Amino acid sequence: MSTSEEILRGLHFLSLFLMTAGLGSVMVALWRGWREDDIERQLVAFEDASTGHKALLMPGTIAVGATGIFLAADAGFNFITTGWLLALEVLYLLVLFVCLPVLGHALNRIEIETLKSRKHGQRSEELQGLIDDNVPIVMCLVILALLPIMVALAEFKPF
């Protein structure tokens, strides 16, 4: 293994750590917000989830993709004909272009409805509907379920 591969592997690992830290921060804040009855505390929890999404999860996911591309190119893999790498790319793009935008949109909607409810002093029906909808938790769980699959593809190179 060359020095550039070692450096890229280290950066890739740090990017994965940033991504998983962001996912964890979003999930913990969402669970906290879902369990709260006080609107003020709910707002803080949903703001924390939104901040974790914007500050850790999105940059971490983008960095994982960038370092992964450079790492695969440096190792000499073909991005189209290498089966495990193609499967990994598809799963990564699913996370990047489906899960993260849907999660971000859902977090923004919940945060806006929480602000509206705070202004009126009581939980609105729209906010309760968004909380009952569970879209952010589902997207987080999808990302969480895809992470070990992506890691297994990269580590074991099954096909």
N, C-alpha and C. Protein backbone atom coordinates (compact mmCIF):
# COMPACT_ATOMS: atom_id res chain seq x y z
N MET A 1 0.85 -1.17 0.00
CA MET A 1 0.00 0.00 0.00
C MET A 1 0.90 1.23 0.00
N SER A 2 0.59 2.14 -0.90
CA SER A 2 1.41 3.35 -1.02
C SER A 2 1.05 4.37 0.06
N THR A 3 1.88 5.37 0.18
CA THR A 3 1.65 6.42 1.17
C THR A 3 0.37 7.19 0.88
N SER A 4 0.10 7.44 -0.40
CA SER A 4 -1.12 8.18 -0.75
C SER A 4 -2.36 7.38 -0.37
N GLU A 5 -2.31 6.06 -0.56
CA GLU A 5 -3.45 5.23 -0.16
C GLU A 5 -3.65 5.27 1.34
N GLU A 6 -2.57 5.24 2.11
CA GLU A 6 -2.67 5.31 3.56
C GLU A 6 -3.27 6.64 4.01
N ILE A 7 -2.85 7.71 3.40
CA ILE A 7 -3.39 9.04 3.73
C ILE A 7 -4.86 9.11 3.38
N LEU A 8 -5.22 8.62 2.19
CA LEU A 8 -6.62 8.64 1.77
C LEU A 8 -7.48 7.74 2.65
N ARG A 9 -6.96 6.59 3.06
CA ARG A 9 -7.70 5.73 3.97
C ARG A 9 -7.96 6.43 5.30
N GLY A 10 -6.96 7.13 5.80
CA GLY A 10 -7.13 7.89 7.04
C GLY A 10 -8.18 8.98 6.90
N LEU A 11 -8.12 9.71 5.80
CA LEU A 11 -9.12 10.76 5.56
C LEU A 11 -10.51 10.16 5.38
N HIS A 12 -10.57 9.03 4.71
CA HIS A 12 -11.84 8.36 4.49
C HIS A 12 -12.43 7.89 5.83
N PHE A 13 -11.59 7.36 6.69
CA PHE A 13 -12.04 6.93 8.01
C PHE A 13 -12.54 8.12 8.81
N LEU A 14 -11.83 9.24 8.78
CA LEU A 14 -12.27 10.44 9.49
C LEU A 14 -13.60 10.95 8.93
N SER A 15 -13.77 10.85 7.62
CA SER A 15 -15.03 11.26 6.99
C SER A 15 -16.17 10.36 7.44
N LEU A 16 -15.91 9.07 7.51
CA LEU A 16 -16.93 8.14 8.00
C LEU A 16 -17.30 8.44 9.45
N PHE A 17 -16.30 8.78 10.25
CA PHE A 17 -16.55 9.15 11.64
C PHE A 17 -17.44 10.39 11.71
N LEU A 18 -17.15 11.40 10.87
CA LEU A 18 -17.95 12.62 10.84
C LEU A 18 -19.39 12.30 10.41
N MET A 19 -19.54 11.45 9.42
CA MET A 19 -20.87 11.07 8.94
C MET A 19 -21.67 10.34 10.03
N THR A 20 -21.04 9.37 10.67
CA THR A 20 -21.76 8.62 11.69
C THR A 20 -22.03 9.46 12.94
N ALA A 21 -21.11 10.38 13.25
CA ALA A 21 -21.36 11.29 14.37
C ALA A 21 -22.55 12.19 14.06
N GLY A 22 -22.64 12.64 12.82
CA GLY A 22 -23.80 13.45 12.41
C GLY A 22 -25.08 12.67 12.46
N LEU A 23 -25.05 11.43 11.99
CA LEU A 23 -26.24 10.60 12.03
C LEU A 23 -26.68 10.36 13.47
N GLY A 24 -25.73 10.09 14.33
CA GLY A 24 -26.06 9.89 15.74
C GLY A 24 -26.62 11.14 16.38
N SER A 25 -26.04 12.29 16.07
CA SER A 25 -26.55 13.53 16.66
C SER A 25 -27.96 13.84 16.19
N VAL A 26 -28.26 13.56 14.95
CA VAL A 26 -29.61 13.79 14.43
C VAL A 26 -30.60 12.84 15.09
N MET A 27 -30.23 11.57 15.18
CA MET A 27 -31.16 10.58 15.74
C MET A 27 -31.44 10.83 17.22
N VAL A 28 -30.42 11.16 17.98
CA VAL A 28 -30.62 11.41 19.41
C VAL A 28 -31.50 12.64 19.61
N ALA A 29 -31.23 13.70 18.86
CA ALA A 29 -32.04 14.91 18.99
C ALA A 29 -33.48 14.67 18.56
N LEU A 30 -33.68 13.87 17.51
CA LEU A 30 -35.05 13.56 17.08
C LEU A 30 -35.80 12.77 18.13
N TRP A 31 -35.16 11.77 18.70
CA TRP A 31 -35.82 10.99 19.74
C TRP A 31 -36.19 11.88 20.92
N ARG A 32 -35.27 12.80 21.26
CA ARG A 32 -35.54 13.71 22.37
C ARG A 32 -36.75 14.60 22.05
N GLY A 33 -36.80 15.11 20.82
CA GLY A 33 -37.92 15.95 20.41
C GLY A 33 -39.24 15.22 20.35
N TRP A 34 -39.18 13.97 19.92
CA TRP A 34 -40.42 13.17 19.82
C TRP A 34 -41.01 12.88 21.19
N ARG A 35 -40.15 12.74 22.19
CA ARG A 35 -40.62 12.37 23.53
C ARG A 35 -41.04 13.57 24.38
N GLU A 36 -40.68 14.76 23.95
CA GLU A 36 -40.97 15.97 24.73
C GLU A 36 -42.41 16.43 24.56
N ASP A 37 -42.99 16.95 25.64
CA ASP A 37 -44.32 17.54 25.56
C ASP A 37 -44.24 19.07 25.54
N ASP A 38 -43.17 19.61 26.12
CA ASP A 38 -42.99 21.05 26.17
C ASP A 38 -42.52 21.56 24.80
N ILE A 39 -43.22 22.55 24.27
CA ILE A 39 -42.91 23.06 22.92
C ILE A 39 -41.52 23.68 22.87
N GLU A 40 -41.13 24.40 23.91
CA GLU A 40 -39.81 25.04 23.93
C GLU A 40 -38.69 23.99 23.84
N ARG A 41 -38.84 22.94 24.62
CA ARG A 41 -37.82 21.88 24.61
C ARG A 41 -37.84 21.10 23.30
N GLN A 42 -39.04 20.95 22.73
CA GLN A 42 -39.14 20.30 21.43
C GLN A 42 -38.42 21.11 20.37
N LEU A 43 -38.62 22.43 20.42
CA LEU A 43 -37.98 23.30 19.44
C LEU A 43 -36.46 23.18 19.54
N VAL A 44 -35.93 23.18 20.74
CA VAL A 44 -34.49 23.04 20.93
C VAL A 44 -34.01 21.69 20.37
N ALA A 45 -34.75 20.64 20.62
CA ALA A 45 -34.36 19.31 20.13
C ALA A 45 -34.38 19.26 18.60
N PHE A 46 -35.41 19.81 17.99
CA PHE A 46 -35.48 19.78 16.53
C PHE A 46 -34.45 20.71 15.90
N GLU A 47 -34.12 21.82 16.57
CA GLU A 47 -33.03 22.68 16.09
C GLU A 47 -31.70 21.94 16.18
N ASP A 48 -31.50 21.19 17.26
CA ASP A 48 -30.28 20.38 17.39
C ASP A 48 -30.19 19.34 16.27
N ALA A 49 -31.31 18.71 15.96
CA ALA A 49 -31.32 17.72 14.88
C ALA A 49 -30.98 18.37 13.55
N SER A 50 -31.55 19.53 13.30
CA SER A 50 -31.29 20.24 12.05
C SER A 50 -29.83 20.68 11.97
N THR A 51 -29.29 21.13 13.10
CA THR A 51 -27.88 21.53 13.13
C THR A 51 -26.97 20.33 12.89
N GLY A 52 -27.28 19.21 13.50
CA GLY A 52 -26.48 18.00 13.28
C GLY A 52 -26.52 17.56 11.82
N HIS A 53 -27.67 17.72 11.20
CA HIS A 53 -27.81 17.37 9.79
C HIS A 53 -26.95 18.27 8.92
N LYS A 54 -27.01 19.57 9.19
CA LYS A 54 -26.30 20.54 8.35
C LYS A 54 -24.81 20.60 8.65
N ALA A 55 -24.42 20.44 9.91
CA ALA A 55 -23.03 20.64 10.30
C ALA A 55 -22.19 19.37 10.27
N LEU A 56 -22.81 18.21 10.46
CA LEU A 56 -22.03 16.97 10.54
C LEU A 56 -22.41 15.95 9.48
N LEU A 57 -23.70 15.63 9.39
CA LEU A 57 -24.12 14.54 8.52
C LEU A 57 -23.89 14.85 7.04
N MET A 58 -24.34 16.00 6.58
CA MET A 58 -24.15 16.33 5.16
C MET A 58 -22.68 16.48 4.78
N PRO A 59 -21.89 17.30 5.52
CA PRO A 59 -20.47 17.40 5.14
C PRO A 59 -19.74 16.06 5.26
N GLY A 60 -20.08 15.28 6.28
CA GLY A 60 -19.45 13.97 6.43
C GLY A 60 -19.76 13.04 5.28
N THR A 61 -21.02 13.05 4.85
CA THR A 61 -21.42 12.19 3.73
C THR A 61 -20.73 12.62 2.43
N ILE A 62 -20.65 13.90 2.20
CA ILE A 62 -19.97 14.41 1.00
C ILE A 62 -18.49 14.07 1.06
N ALA A 63 -17.88 14.23 2.23
CA ALA A 63 -16.46 13.91 2.37
C ALA A 63 -16.20 12.41 2.19
N VAL A 64 -17.12 11.57 2.66
CA VAL A 64 -16.98 10.12 2.45
C VAL A 64 -16.95 9.82 0.95
N GLY A 65 -17.84 10.42 0.20
CA GLY A 65 -17.87 10.19 -1.24
C GLY A 65 -16.61 10.69 -1.94
N ALA A 66 -16.18 11.88 -1.58
CA ALA A 66 -14.99 12.45 -2.22
C ALA A 66 -13.74 11.63 -1.91
N THR A 67 -13.55 11.31 -0.65
CA THR A 67 -12.35 10.52 -0.30
C THR A 67 -12.45 9.10 -0.85
N GLY A 68 -13.67 8.56 -0.92
CA GLY A 68 -13.85 7.22 -1.49
C GLY A 68 -13.51 7.18 -2.96
N ILE A 69 -13.90 8.21 -3.69
CA ILE A 69 -13.58 8.28 -5.12
C ILE A 69 -12.07 8.33 -5.33
N PHE A 70 -11.41 9.20 -4.58
CA PHE A 70 -9.96 9.31 -4.71
C PHE A 70 -9.25 8.02 -4.28
N LEU A 71 -9.75 7.39 -3.23
CA LEU A 71 -9.16 6.15 -2.75
C LEU A 71 -9.30 5.04 -3.79
N ALA A 72 -10.49 4.91 -4.37
CA ALA A 72 -10.71 3.87 -5.38
C ALA A 72 -9.89 4.14 -6.64
N ALA A 73 -9.81 5.41 -7.03
CA ALA A 73 -9.02 5.75 -8.22
C ALA A 73 -7.54 5.49 -7.98
N ASP A 74 -7.07 5.84 -6.78
CA ASP A 74 -5.66 5.63 -6.45
C ASP A 74 -5.32 4.14 -6.40
N ALA A 75 -6.29 3.32 -5.98
CA ALA A 75 -6.07 1.87 -5.93
C ALA A 75 -6.20 1.21 -7.30
N GLY A 76 -6.67 1.96 -8.29
CA GLY A 76 -6.75 1.44 -9.65
C GLY A 76 -8.03 0.69 -9.99
N PHE A 77 -9.09 0.87 -9.21
CA PHE A 77 -10.35 0.19 -9.50
C PHE A 77 -11.10 0.90 -10.62
N ASN A 78 -11.80 0.10 -11.43
CA ASN A 78 -12.67 0.66 -12.46
C ASN A 78 -14.03 0.91 -11.83
N PHE A 79 -14.56 2.12 -11.98
CA PHE A 79 -15.80 2.50 -11.31
C PHE A 79 -17.04 1.83 -11.91
N ILE A 80 -16.95 1.34 -13.12
CA ILE A 80 -18.12 0.74 -13.79
C ILE A 80 -18.05 -0.79 -13.79
N THR A 81 -16.91 -1.34 -14.08
CA THR A 81 -16.83 -2.79 -14.24
C THR A 81 -16.57 -3.55 -12.94
N THR A 82 -16.17 -2.86 -11.89
CA THR A 82 -15.95 -3.52 -10.60
C THR A 82 -17.30 -3.59 -9.89
N GLY A 83 -17.85 -4.81 -9.78
CA GLY A 83 -19.22 -5.00 -9.30
C GLY A 83 -19.48 -4.46 -7.92
N TRP A 84 -18.63 -4.79 -6.96
CA TRP A 84 -18.85 -4.33 -5.58
C TRP A 84 -18.76 -2.81 -5.48
N LEU A 85 -17.87 -2.21 -6.28
CA LEU A 85 -17.71 -0.76 -6.25
C LEU A 85 -18.93 -0.08 -6.87
N LEU A 86 -19.46 -0.66 -7.93
CA LEU A 86 -20.67 -0.11 -8.54
C LEU A 86 -21.85 -0.20 -7.58
N ALA A 87 -21.99 -1.32 -6.88
CA ALA A 87 -23.06 -1.45 -5.88
C ALA A 87 -22.88 -0.44 -4.76
N LEU A 88 -21.65 -0.24 -4.34
CA LEU A 88 -21.35 0.75 -3.30
C LEU A 88 -21.70 2.15 -3.77
N GLU A 89 -21.38 2.46 -5.02
CA GLU A 89 -21.71 3.78 -5.58
C GLU A 89 -23.22 4.01 -5.59
N VAL A 90 -23.97 3.01 -5.99
CA VAL A 90 -25.43 3.14 -6.05
C VAL A 90 -26.00 3.39 -4.65
N LEU A 91 -25.54 2.63 -3.67
CA LEU A 91 -26.02 2.83 -2.30
C LEU A 91 -25.63 4.21 -1.77
N TYR A 92 -24.41 4.63 -2.06
CA TYR A 92 -23.96 5.95 -1.62
C TYR A 92 -24.81 7.05 -2.25
N LEU A 93 -25.06 6.93 -3.54
CA LEU A 93 -25.87 7.94 -4.22
C LEU A 93 -27.31 7.95 -3.70
N LEU A 94 -27.82 6.79 -3.31
CA LEU A 94 -29.14 6.71 -2.69
C LEU A 94 -29.16 7.51 -1.39
N VAL A 95 -28.13 7.35 -0.58
CA VAL A 95 -28.04 8.10 0.67
C VAL A 95 -27.90 9.59 0.38
N LEU A 96 -27.00 9.94 -0.55
CA LEU A 96 -26.70 11.35 -0.82
C LEU A 96 -27.84 12.09 -1.49
N PHE A 97 -28.50 11.47 -2.46
CA PHE A 97 -29.50 12.19 -3.25
C PHE A 97 -30.95 11.88 -2.91
N VAL A 98 -31.19 10.89 -2.05
CA VAL A 98 -32.56 10.59 -1.64
C VAL A 98 -32.73 10.79 -0.13
N CYS A 99 -31.96 10.05 0.63
CA CYS A 99 -32.16 10.08 2.09
C CYS A 99 -31.84 11.43 2.71
N LEU A 100 -30.69 12.00 2.38
CA LEU A 100 -30.31 13.28 3.00
C LEU A 100 -31.25 14.43 2.63
N PRO A 101 -31.64 14.59 1.37
CA PRO A 101 -32.59 15.68 1.07
C PRO A 101 -33.96 15.48 1.71
N VAL A 102 -34.46 14.26 1.71
CA VAL A 102 -35.76 14.01 2.35
C VAL A 102 -35.66 14.28 3.84
N LEU A 103 -34.57 13.84 4.46
CA LEU A 103 -34.36 14.10 5.88
C LEU A 103 -34.27 15.60 6.16
N GLY A 104 -33.52 16.32 5.37
CA GLY A 104 -33.39 17.76 5.55
C GLY A 104 -34.70 18.49 5.39
N HIS A 105 -35.47 18.12 4.38
CA HIS A 105 -36.77 18.75 4.16
C HIS A 105 -37.72 18.46 5.32
N ALA A 106 -37.74 17.23 5.78
CA ALA A 106 -38.61 16.86 6.90
C ALA A 106 -38.21 17.61 8.17
N LEU A 107 -36.90 17.73 8.41
CA LEU A 107 -36.43 18.47 9.59
C LEU A 107 -36.82 19.94 9.51
N ASN A 108 -36.71 20.52 8.33
CA ASN A 108 -37.10 21.93 8.16
C ASN A 108 -38.59 22.12 8.41
N ARG A 109 -39.40 21.22 7.88
CA ARG A 109 -40.85 21.33 8.10
C ARG A 109 -41.21 21.22 9.56
N ILE A 110 -40.59 20.27 10.26
CA ILE A 110 -40.87 20.11 11.69
C ILE A 110 -40.43 21.34 12.46
N GLU A 111 -39.27 21.87 12.12
CA GLU A 111 -38.78 23.05 12.83
C GLU A 111 -39.70 24.26 12.60
N ILE A 112 -40.16 24.44 11.39
CA ILE A 112 -41.08 25.56 11.09
C ILE A 112 -42.39 25.40 11.84
N GLU A 113 -42.94 24.18 11.83
CA GLU A 113 -44.20 23.96 12.54
C GLU A 113 -44.04 24.10 14.05
N THR A 114 -42.87 23.74 14.56
CA THR A 114 -42.62 23.93 15.99
C THR A 114 -42.56 25.41 16.33
N LEU A 115 -41.94 26.20 15.47
CA LEU A 115 -41.91 27.65 15.69
C LEU A 115 -43.32 28.26 15.65
N LYS A 116 -44.13 27.79 14.71
CA LYS A 116 -45.51 28.28 14.63
C LYS A 116 -46.29 27.90 15.89
N SER A 117 -46.09 26.68 16.35
CA SER A 117 -46.79 26.23 17.56
C SER A 117 -46.33 27.03 18.78
N ARG A 118 -45.06 27.32 18.84
CA ARG A 118 -44.55 28.12 19.96
C ARG A 118 -45.17 29.51 19.95
N LYS A 119 -45.33 30.06 18.76
CA LYS A 119 -45.92 31.40 18.64
C LYS A 119 -47.37 31.41 19.14
N HIS A 120 -48.10 30.33 18.85
CA HIS A 120 -49.50 30.24 19.27
C HIS A 120 -49.66 29.67 20.67
N GLY A 121 -48.58 29.16 21.25
CA GLY A 121 -48.62 28.66 22.62
C GLY A 121 -49.14 27.25 22.79
N GLN A 122 -49.46 26.58 21.72
CA GLN A 122 -49.91 25.19 21.81
C GLN A 122 -49.51 24.42 20.56
N ARG A 123 -49.47 23.11 20.69
CA ARG A 123 -49.08 22.25 19.57
C ARG A 123 -50.16 22.26 18.50
N SER A 124 -49.76 22.57 17.28
CA SER A 124 -50.73 22.60 16.18
C SER A 124 -50.99 21.19 15.65
N GLU A 125 -52.07 21.07 14.91
CA GLU A 125 -52.39 19.78 14.29
C GLU A 125 -51.34 19.41 13.24
N GLU A 126 -50.82 20.42 12.54
CA GLU A 126 -49.80 20.16 11.53
C GLU A 126 -48.53 19.59 12.16
N LEU A 127 -48.14 20.17 13.30
CA LEU A 127 -46.95 19.66 14.00
C LEU A 127 -47.20 18.24 14.48
N GLN A 128 -48.35 17.99 15.04
CA GLN A 128 -48.65 16.64 15.51
C GLN A 128 -48.65 15.65 14.34
N GLY A 129 -49.16 16.09 13.19
CA GLY A 129 -49.14 15.23 12.00
C GLY A 129 -47.73 14.93 11.55
N LEU A 130 -46.83 15.93 11.60
CA LEU A 130 -45.44 15.71 11.21
C LEU A 130 -44.73 14.80 12.20
N ILE A 131 -45.03 14.96 13.47
CA ILE A 131 -44.42 14.10 14.48
C ILE A 131 -44.90 12.66 14.32
N ASP A 132 -46.18 12.50 14.03
CA ASP A 132 -46.74 11.16 13.82
C ASP A 132 -46.22 10.51 12.54
N ASP A 133 -45.80 11.35 11.58
CA ASP A 133 -45.35 10.86 10.28
C ASP A 133 -44.03 10.09 10.35
N ASN A 134 -43.13 10.48 11.23
CA ASN A 134 -41.85 9.79 11.47
C ASN A 134 -40.89 9.75 10.28
N VAL A 135 -41.05 10.62 9.29
CA VAL A 135 -40.16 10.60 8.13
C VAL A 135 -38.69 10.77 8.51
N PRO A 136 -38.34 11.72 9.38
CA PRO A 136 -36.91 11.87 9.70
C PRO A 136 -36.31 10.62 10.34
N ILE A 137 -37.05 10.01 11.25
CA ILE A 137 -36.54 8.80 11.89
C ILE A 137 -36.37 7.68 10.87
N VAL A 138 -37.33 7.53 9.98
CA VAL A 138 -37.24 6.49 8.96
C VAL A 138 -36.02 6.71 8.06
N MET A 139 -35.78 7.96 7.65
CA MET A 139 -34.62 8.24 6.79
C MET A 139 -33.32 7.97 7.54
N CYS A 140 -33.27 8.34 8.82
CA CYS A 140 -32.08 8.04 9.63
C CYS A 140 -31.86 6.54 9.73
N LEU A 141 -32.93 5.78 9.93
CA LEU A 141 -32.81 4.33 10.05
C LEU A 141 -32.40 3.69 8.72
N VAL A 142 -32.86 4.26 7.60
CA VAL A 142 -32.43 3.75 6.29
C VAL A 142 -30.93 3.96 6.12
N ILE A 143 -30.46 5.17 6.45
CA ILE A 143 -29.02 5.45 6.36
C ILE A 143 -28.26 4.51 7.29
N LEU A 144 -28.77 4.35 8.50
CA LEU A 144 -28.12 3.48 9.47
C LEU A 144 -28.06 2.04 8.98
N ALA A 145 -29.10 1.58 8.30
CA ALA A 145 -29.12 0.21 7.77
C ALA A 145 -28.18 0.06 6.57
N LEU A 146 -28.03 1.12 5.78
CA LEU A 146 -27.17 1.02 4.60
C LEU A 146 -25.68 1.12 4.94
N LEU A 147 -25.34 1.75 6.05
CA LEU A 147 -23.93 1.91 6.41
C LEU A 147 -23.18 0.58 6.54
N PRO A 148 -23.68 -0.39 7.29
CA PRO A 148 -22.93 -1.66 7.37
C PRO A 148 -22.84 -2.39 6.04
N ILE A 149 -23.86 -2.23 5.21
CA ILE A 149 -23.81 -2.86 3.89
C ILE A 149 -22.71 -2.23 3.05
N MET A 150 -22.62 -0.90 3.10
CA MET A 150 -21.58 -0.20 2.33
C MET A 150 -20.19 -0.55 2.86
N VAL A 151 -20.05 -0.63 4.16
CA VAL A 151 -18.76 -1.00 4.75
C VAL A 151 -18.38 -2.43 4.35
N ALA A 152 -19.34 -3.33 4.38
CA ALA A 152 -19.07 -4.72 4.01
C ALA A 152 -18.66 -4.82 2.54
N LEU A 153 -19.32 -4.06 1.69
CA LEU A 153 -18.94 -4.08 0.27
C LEU A 153 -17.51 -3.59 0.09
N ALA A 154 -17.14 -2.53 0.78
CA ALA A 154 -15.81 -1.97 0.64
C ALA A 154 -14.72 -2.87 1.25
N GLU A 155 -15.03 -3.50 2.34
CA GLU A 155 -14.03 -4.32 3.03
C GLU A 155 -13.87 -5.72 2.43
N PHE A 156 -14.98 -6.36 2.11
CA PHE A 156 -14.92 -7.75 1.67
C PHE A 156 -14.90 -7.93 0.15
N LYS A 157 -15.28 -6.88 -0.59
CA LYS A 157 -15.27 -6.91 -2.07
C LYS A 157 -15.83 -8.24 -2.59
N PRO A 158 -17.12 -8.51 -2.32
CA PRO A 158 -17.67 -9.84 -2.59
C PRO A 158 -17.81 -10.20 -4.07
N PHE A 159 -17.92 -9.21 -4.94
CA PHE A 159 -18.05 -9.55 -6.37
C PHE A 159 -17.44 -8.47 -7.21
